[in-house]
Amino acid sequence: MTELRAKVLDKDFSPFERIVLLMAILRSPEGCAWDRKQTHKSLLPYLIEEAYEVVEVIESGKLENLREELGDLLCQVVFHAQLARERGAFDINDVITLLIEKLVDRHPHVFGEKKELSPQQVRDQWELIKTRAEDEKTVLSGLPRSMPALTMAFRLGEKAGGVGFDWHNPSEVVQKIEEELKELKNEIDFDKKKDNKESLTNEIGDLLFATASLARKLEIDPELALKTALDKFKRRFEKLEKRVEQSGRGFDDYTLEELESIWQEVKLKAGIN
């Protein structure tokens, strides 16, 4: 164990070798009690947290912090691979080998017959190759149900589009949104006569899916777009709330029209309509 510790601290070894050895030490009887206690399942919250922290850094534009966050995410990958090695399933080298094989297979235009493909053609080719793989049962398989709904809508559209089932351009999706909105309006009118929340839920779902599809066709991440809108709403509402507080009145003392007037002022000062 002393020799392993020395290798972890020896910079003559590659950083990758050192992190793999370090994780093995932490999991050993002479290592850390917390690390020894962990399982694939117990580590899930940390894996998700680290992935979201990478996302947050990229979305914020603070790329000077990206190196650290990617390291934290890599730690989770190495940790899970160490757990698998201990039970004799596979190790980190098997993980990397499989990844290399997959990437070579999914890029035949680079590693096979050389072809110049557009990013969209590469994306479509990727989905077709995945569909033909033995581990892919259907075109739409492979997406975890725990994925955020807007992101799943984006990816489902990509997968379907990869085999040719897609709109030709964004304007066609706009027409679909208008169609779904009309169906929702009809259901709302119908709902006045009959309590039918299930139908309303279905229609709203169709509208949201179509909206996510429009974002995809415009090459916009719908999850990021919604987060941006929510952040903008939060900032504006906090300014509205401050105005109300400074007036010495409560929200109950304002009419909706008065609040809307303040809201428009806040938007105007922000320089965004």
Protein backbone atom coordinates (compact mmCIF):
# COMPACT_ATOMS: atom_id res chain seq x y z
CA MET A 1 0.00 0.00 0.00
CA THR A 2 2.93 2.33 0.77
CA GLU A 3 4.17 1.76 -2.79
CA LEU A 4 0.75 2.64 -4.21
CA ARG A 5 0.59 5.82 -2.17
CA ALA A 6 4.02 6.78 -3.49
CA LYS A 7 2.84 6.27 -7.07
CA VAL A 8 -0.20 8.50 -6.48
CA LEU A 9 2.14 11.31 -5.38
CA ASP A 10 4.75 10.59 -8.08
CA LYS A 11 4.22 13.00 -10.98
CA ASP A 12 6.29 10.79 -13.26
CA PHE A 13 3.16 8.65 -13.56
CA SER A 14 0.37 9.93 -15.79
CA PRO A 15 -2.49 11.81 -14.12
CA PHE A 16 -4.85 9.06 -15.27
CA GLU A 17 -2.78 6.32 -13.65
CA ARG A 18 -2.60 8.32 -10.44
CA ILE A 19 -6.37 8.94 -10.15
CA VAL A 20 -7.12 5.23 -10.75
CA LEU A 21 -4.59 4.23 -8.08
CA LEU A 22 -5.90 6.90 -5.72
CA MET A 23 -9.45 5.56 -6.00
CA ALA A 24 -8.23 2.01 -5.35
CA ILE A 25 -6.46 3.23 -2.20
CA LEU A 26 -9.54 5.09 -0.95
CA ARG A 27 -11.60 1.92 -1.37
CA SER A 28 -9.03 -0.30 0.36
CA PRO A 29 -9.13 -1.34 4.05
CA GLU A 30 -6.40 1.22 4.66
CA GLY A 31 -8.30 3.93 2.85
CA CYS A 32 -11.39 5.99 3.68
CA ALA A 33 -14.44 4.68 5.58
CA TRP A 34 -16.84 6.83 3.57
CA ASP A 35 -15.46 5.70 0.21
CA ARG A 36 -15.53 2.03 1.28
CA LYS A 37 -19.21 2.37 2.23
CA GLN A 38 -20.36 3.62 -1.18
CA THR A 39 -22.25 1.60 -3.82
CA HIS A 40 -23.32 2.35 -7.37
CA LYS A 41 -26.73 3.35 -6.02
CA SER A 42 -25.50 5.49 -3.13
CA LEU A 43 -23.28 7.45 -5.52
CA LEU A 44 -26.13 8.40 -7.87
CA PRO A 45 -26.98 11.73 -6.17
CA TYR A 46 -23.33 12.79 -6.45
CA LEU A 47 -23.08 11.72 -10.08
CA ILE A 48 -26.18 13.77 -10.93
CA GLU A 49 -24.99 16.73 -8.86
CA GLU A 50 -21.57 16.82 -10.55
CA ALA A 51 -23.13 16.56 -14.01
CA TYR A 52 -25.44 19.48 -13.25
CA GLU A 53 -22.52 21.53 -11.92
CA VAL A 54 -20.73 21.04 -15.25
CA VAL A 55 -23.89 22.18 -17.02
CA GLU A 56 -24.18 25.23 -14.76
CA VAL A 57 -20.59 26.31 -15.38
CA ILE A 58 -21.00 26.04 -19.15
CA GLU A 59 -24.35 27.86 -19.14
CA SER A 60 -22.96 30.64 -16.95
CA GLY A 61 -20.01 31.15 -19.28
CA LYS A 62 -17.55 30.85 -16.37
CA LEU A 63 -15.34 28.44 -18.26
CA GLU A 64 -12.40 29.13 -15.95
CA ASN A 65 -14.20 26.80 -13.51
CA LEU A 66 -14.83 24.08 -16.08
CA ARG A 67 -11.57 22.22 -15.44
CA GLU A 68 -12.42 21.66 -11.79
CA GLU A 69 -16.02 20.61 -12.45
CA LEU A 70 -14.99 18.16 -15.17
CA GLY A 71 -12.52 16.68 -12.69
CA ASP A 72 -15.29 16.19 -10.14
CA LEU A 73 -17.41 14.46 -12.79
CA LEU A 74 -14.46 12.28 -13.85
CA CYS A 75 -14.03 11.25 -10.20
CA GLN A 76 -17.52 9.77 -10.28
CA VAL A 77 -16.74 7.78 -13.44
CA VAL A 78 -13.52 6.41 -11.93
CA PHE A 79 -15.35 5.62 -8.67
CA HIS A 80 -18.02 3.55 -10.44
CA ALA A 81 -15.38 1.76 -12.51
CA GLN A 82 -13.47 0.89 -9.31
CA LEU A 83 -16.63 -0.61 -7.78
CA ALA A 84 -17.10 -2.71 -10.92
CA ARG A 85 -13.44 -3.86 -10.84
CA GLU A 86 -13.81 -5.00 -7.23
CA ARG A 87 -16.69 -7.28 -8.11
CA GLY A 88 -14.85 -8.62 -11.16
CA ALA A 89 -17.18 -7.10 -13.77
CA PHE A 90 -14.91 -4.64 -15.63
CA ASP A 91 -12.41 -1.86 -14.96
CA ILE A 92 -11.80 1.66 -16.22
CA ASN A 93 -9.72 0.36 -19.16
CA ASP A 94 -12.69 -1.73 -20.31
CA VAL A 95 -14.86 1.38 -20.08
CA ILE A 96 -12.45 3.36 -22.25
CA THR A 97 -11.93 0.51 -24.73
CA LEU A 98 -15.66 0.16 -25.28
CA LEU A 99 -15.96 3.92 -25.71
CA ILE A 100 -13.21 3.96 -28.33
CA GLU A 101 -14.83 1.11 -30.25
CA LYS A 102 -18.19 2.88 -30.15
CA LEU A 103 -16.79 6.21 -31.34
CA VAL A 104 -14.90 4.58 -34.21
CA ASP A 105 -18.05 2.67 -35.21
CA ARG A 106 -20.22 5.81 -35.02
CA HIS A 107 -17.82 7.84 -37.21
CA PRO A 108 -17.45 5.77 -40.41
CA HIS A 109 -17.03 9.03 -42.37
CA VAL A 110 -13.76 9.56 -40.44
CA PHE A 111 -12.43 6.05 -39.78
CA GLY A 112 -13.92 4.36 -42.85
CA GLU A 113 -14.52 5.85 -46.27
CA LYS A 114 -13.71 9.55 -45.86
CA LYS A 115 -16.80 11.74 -46.36
CA GLU A 116 -17.56 15.38 -45.69
CA LEU A 117 -20.82 15.42 -43.73
CA SER A 118 -22.71 18.32 -42.18
CA PRO A 119 -23.27 18.27 -38.40
CA GLN A 120 -26.91 17.27 -39.00
CA GLN A 121 -25.90 14.44 -41.35
CA VAL A 122 -23.46 13.18 -38.71
CA ARG A 123 -26.25 13.32 -36.08
CA ASP A 124 -28.62 11.38 -38.35
CA GLN A 125 -25.94 8.82 -39.19
CA TRP A 126 -25.23 8.37 -35.46
CA GLU A 127 -28.88 7.56 -34.74
CA LEU A 128 -29.10 5.11 -37.67
CA ILE A 129 -25.98 3.25 -36.49
CA LYS A 130 -27.36 3.07 -32.94
CA THR A 131 -30.63 1.63 -34.26
CA ARG A 132 -28.77 -1.10 -36.14
CA ALA A 133 -26.70 -2.03 -33.08
CA GLU A 134 -27.72 -5.20 -31.27
CA ASP A 135 -28.31 -3.36 -27.98
CA GLU A 136 -30.81 -0.94 -29.51
CA LYS A 137 -34.26 -2.56 -29.69
CA THR A 138 -36.08 0.40 -31.25
CA VAL A 139 -35.24 3.79 -32.77
CA LEU A 140 -36.34 5.60 -29.62
CA SER A 141 -34.67 3.33 -27.07
CA GLY A 142 -31.77 4.34 -24.87
CA LEU A 143 -33.21 7.45 -23.21
CA PRO A 144 -33.53 7.24 -19.40
CA ARG A 145 -36.98 8.04 -18.01
CA SER A 146 -35.31 10.19 -15.36
CA MET A 147 -34.16 12.64 -18.04
CA PRO A 148 -35.81 16.11 -17.83
CA ALA A 149 -38.92 16.09 -20.00
CA LEU A 150 -37.88 18.96 -22.30
CA THR A 151 -34.49 17.37 -22.90
CA MET A 152 -36.18 14.04 -23.61
CA ALA A 153 -38.52 15.76 -26.08
CA PHE A 154 -35.47 17.23 -27.82
CA ARG A 155 -33.70 13.85 -27.98
CA LEU A 156 -36.77 11.89 -29.08
CA GLY A 157 -37.13 14.32 -31.96
CA GLU A 158 -33.46 13.90 -32.85
CA LYS A 159 -33.75 10.12 -32.82
CA ALA A 160 -36.89 10.09 -34.98
CA GLY A 161 -35.36 12.67 -37.30
CA GLY A 162 -32.27 10.50 -37.64
CA VAL A 163 -34.30 7.93 -39.58
CA GLY A 164 -36.14 10.53 -41.65
CA PHE A 165 -39.28 11.08 -39.56
CA ASP A 166 -39.11 14.85 -39.10
CA TRP A 167 -40.36 18.20 -40.36
CA HIS A 168 -38.45 19.75 -43.25
CA ASN A 169 -38.09 23.21 -41.70
CA PRO A 170 -39.03 25.30 -38.63
CA SER A 171 -42.04 26.90 -40.33
CA GLU A 172 -43.71 23.49 -40.57
CA VAL A 173 -43.25 23.05 -36.83
CA VAL A 174 -44.79 26.48 -36.23
CA GLN A 175 -47.86 25.25 -38.11
CA LYS A 176 -47.92 22.19 -35.87
CA ILE A 177 -47.76 24.41 -32.77
CA GLU A 178 -50.67 26.48 -34.07
CA GLU A 179 -52.59 23.26 -34.69
CA GLU A 180 -51.89 21.99 -31.16
CA LEU A 181 -52.82 25.36 -29.66
CA LYS A 182 -56.13 25.30 -31.51
CA GLU A 183 -56.86 21.80 -30.20
CA LEU A 184 -56.04 22.97 -26.67
CA LYS A 185 -58.41 25.94 -27.00
CA ASN A 186 -61.17 23.64 -28.20
CA GLU A 187 -60.56 21.34 -25.24
CA ILE A 188 -60.70 24.30 -22.83
CA ASP A 189 -64.06 25.35 -24.26
CA PHE A 190 -65.26 21.75 -23.98
CA ASP A 191 -63.92 21.54 -20.44
CA LYS A 192 -66.31 24.29 -19.35
CA LYS A 193 -69.10 21.78 -19.81
CA LYS A 194 -67.23 18.70 -18.60
CA ASP A 195 -64.38 18.10 -16.18
CA ASN A 196 -61.80 16.49 -18.44
CA LYS A 197 -58.34 17.12 -17.00
CA GLU A 198 -56.87 14.09 -18.74
CA SER A 199 -57.64 15.50 -22.19
CA LEU A 200 -56.31 18.91 -21.18
CA THR A 201 -53.11 17.29 -19.91
CA ASN A 202 -52.69 15.46 -23.21
CA GLU A 203 -53.21 18.61 -25.27
CA ILE A 204 -50.78 20.66 -23.17
CA GLY A 205 -48.26 17.84 -23.48
CA ASP A 206 -48.64 17.85 -27.27
CA LEU A 207 -48.14 21.62 -27.33
CA LEU A 208 -44.99 21.43 -25.20
CA PHE A 209 -43.60 18.60 -27.33
CA ALA A 210 -44.20 20.61 -30.51
CA THR A 211 -42.51 23.64 -28.92
CA ALA A 212 -39.48 21.53 -28.00
CA SER A 213 -39.40 20.30 -31.60
CA LEU A 214 -39.34 23.88 -32.86
CA ALA A 215 -36.39 24.62 -30.56
CA ARG A 216 -34.61 21.57 -31.98
CA LYS A 217 -35.17 22.67 -35.57
CA LEU A 218 -33.79 26.11 -34.64
CA GLU A 219 -30.79 24.39 -32.97
CA ILE A 220 -31.75 25.75 -29.54
CA ASP A 221 -31.64 23.69 -26.36
CA PRO A 222 -35.23 23.90 -25.00
CA GLU A 223 -34.09 23.11 -21.45
CA LEU A 224 -31.62 26.01 -21.55
CA ALA A 225 -34.20 28.28 -23.20
CA LEU A 226 -36.72 27.59 -20.44
CA LYS A 227 -34.11 28.06 -17.71
CA THR A 228 -33.15 31.41 -19.26
CA ALA A 229 -36.80 32.46 -19.34
CA LEU A 230 -37.30 31.39 -15.72
CA ASP A 231 -34.21 33.31 -14.59
CA LYS A 232 -35.46 36.38 -16.43
CA PHE A 233 -38.91 36.08 -14.86
CA LYS A 234 -37.37 35.65 -11.40
CA ARG A 235 -35.21 38.78 -11.77
CA ARG A 236 -38.13 40.86 -12.99
CA PHE A 237 -40.52 39.57 -10.34
CA GLU A 238 -38.01 40.36 -7.59
CA LYS A 239 -37.85 43.95 -8.88
CA LEU A 240 -41.65 44.07 -8.95
CA GLU A 241 -41.73 42.71 -5.40
CA LYS A 242 -39.25 45.38 -4.28
CA ARG A 243 -41.40 48.12 -5.82
CA VAL A 244 -44.44 46.83 -3.97
CA GLU A 245 -42.48 46.63 -0.72
CA GLN A 246 -41.15 50.18 -1.12
CA SER A 247 -44.68 51.50 -1.64
CA GLY A 248 -45.69 50.39 1.85
CA ARG A 249 -48.56 48.43 0.39
CA GLY A 250 -49.07 44.68 0.03
CA PHE A 251 -49.82 42.69 -3.10
CA ASP A 252 -53.45 42.44 -1.98
CA ASP A 253 -53.71 46.24 -2.17
CA TYR A 254 -52.85 46.28 -5.86
CA THR A 255 -55.12 45.46 -8.76
CA LEU A 256 -53.84 43.14 -11.47
CA GLU A 257 -53.77 46.10 -13.85
CA GLU A 258 -51.54 48.08 -11.45
CA LEU A 259 -49.15 45.15 -11.06
CA GLU A 260 -49.03 44.71 -14.82
CA SER A 261 -48.16 48.40 -15.21
CA ILE A 262 -45.22 48.02 -12.80
CA TRP A 263 -44.19 44.84 -14.62
CA GLN A 264 -44.04 46.69 -17.93
CA GLU A 265 -41.93 49.43 -16.32
CA VAL A 266 -39.52 46.82 -15.00
CA LYS A 267 -39.23 45.26 -18.45
CA LEU A 268 -38.66 48.66 -20.06
CA LYS A 269 -35.86 49.53 -17.63
CA ALA A 270 -34.26 46.14 -18.34
CA GLY A 271 -34.20 47.08 -22.01
CA ILE A 272 -35.95 43.85 -22.96
CA ASN A 273 -39.54 43.60 -24.21
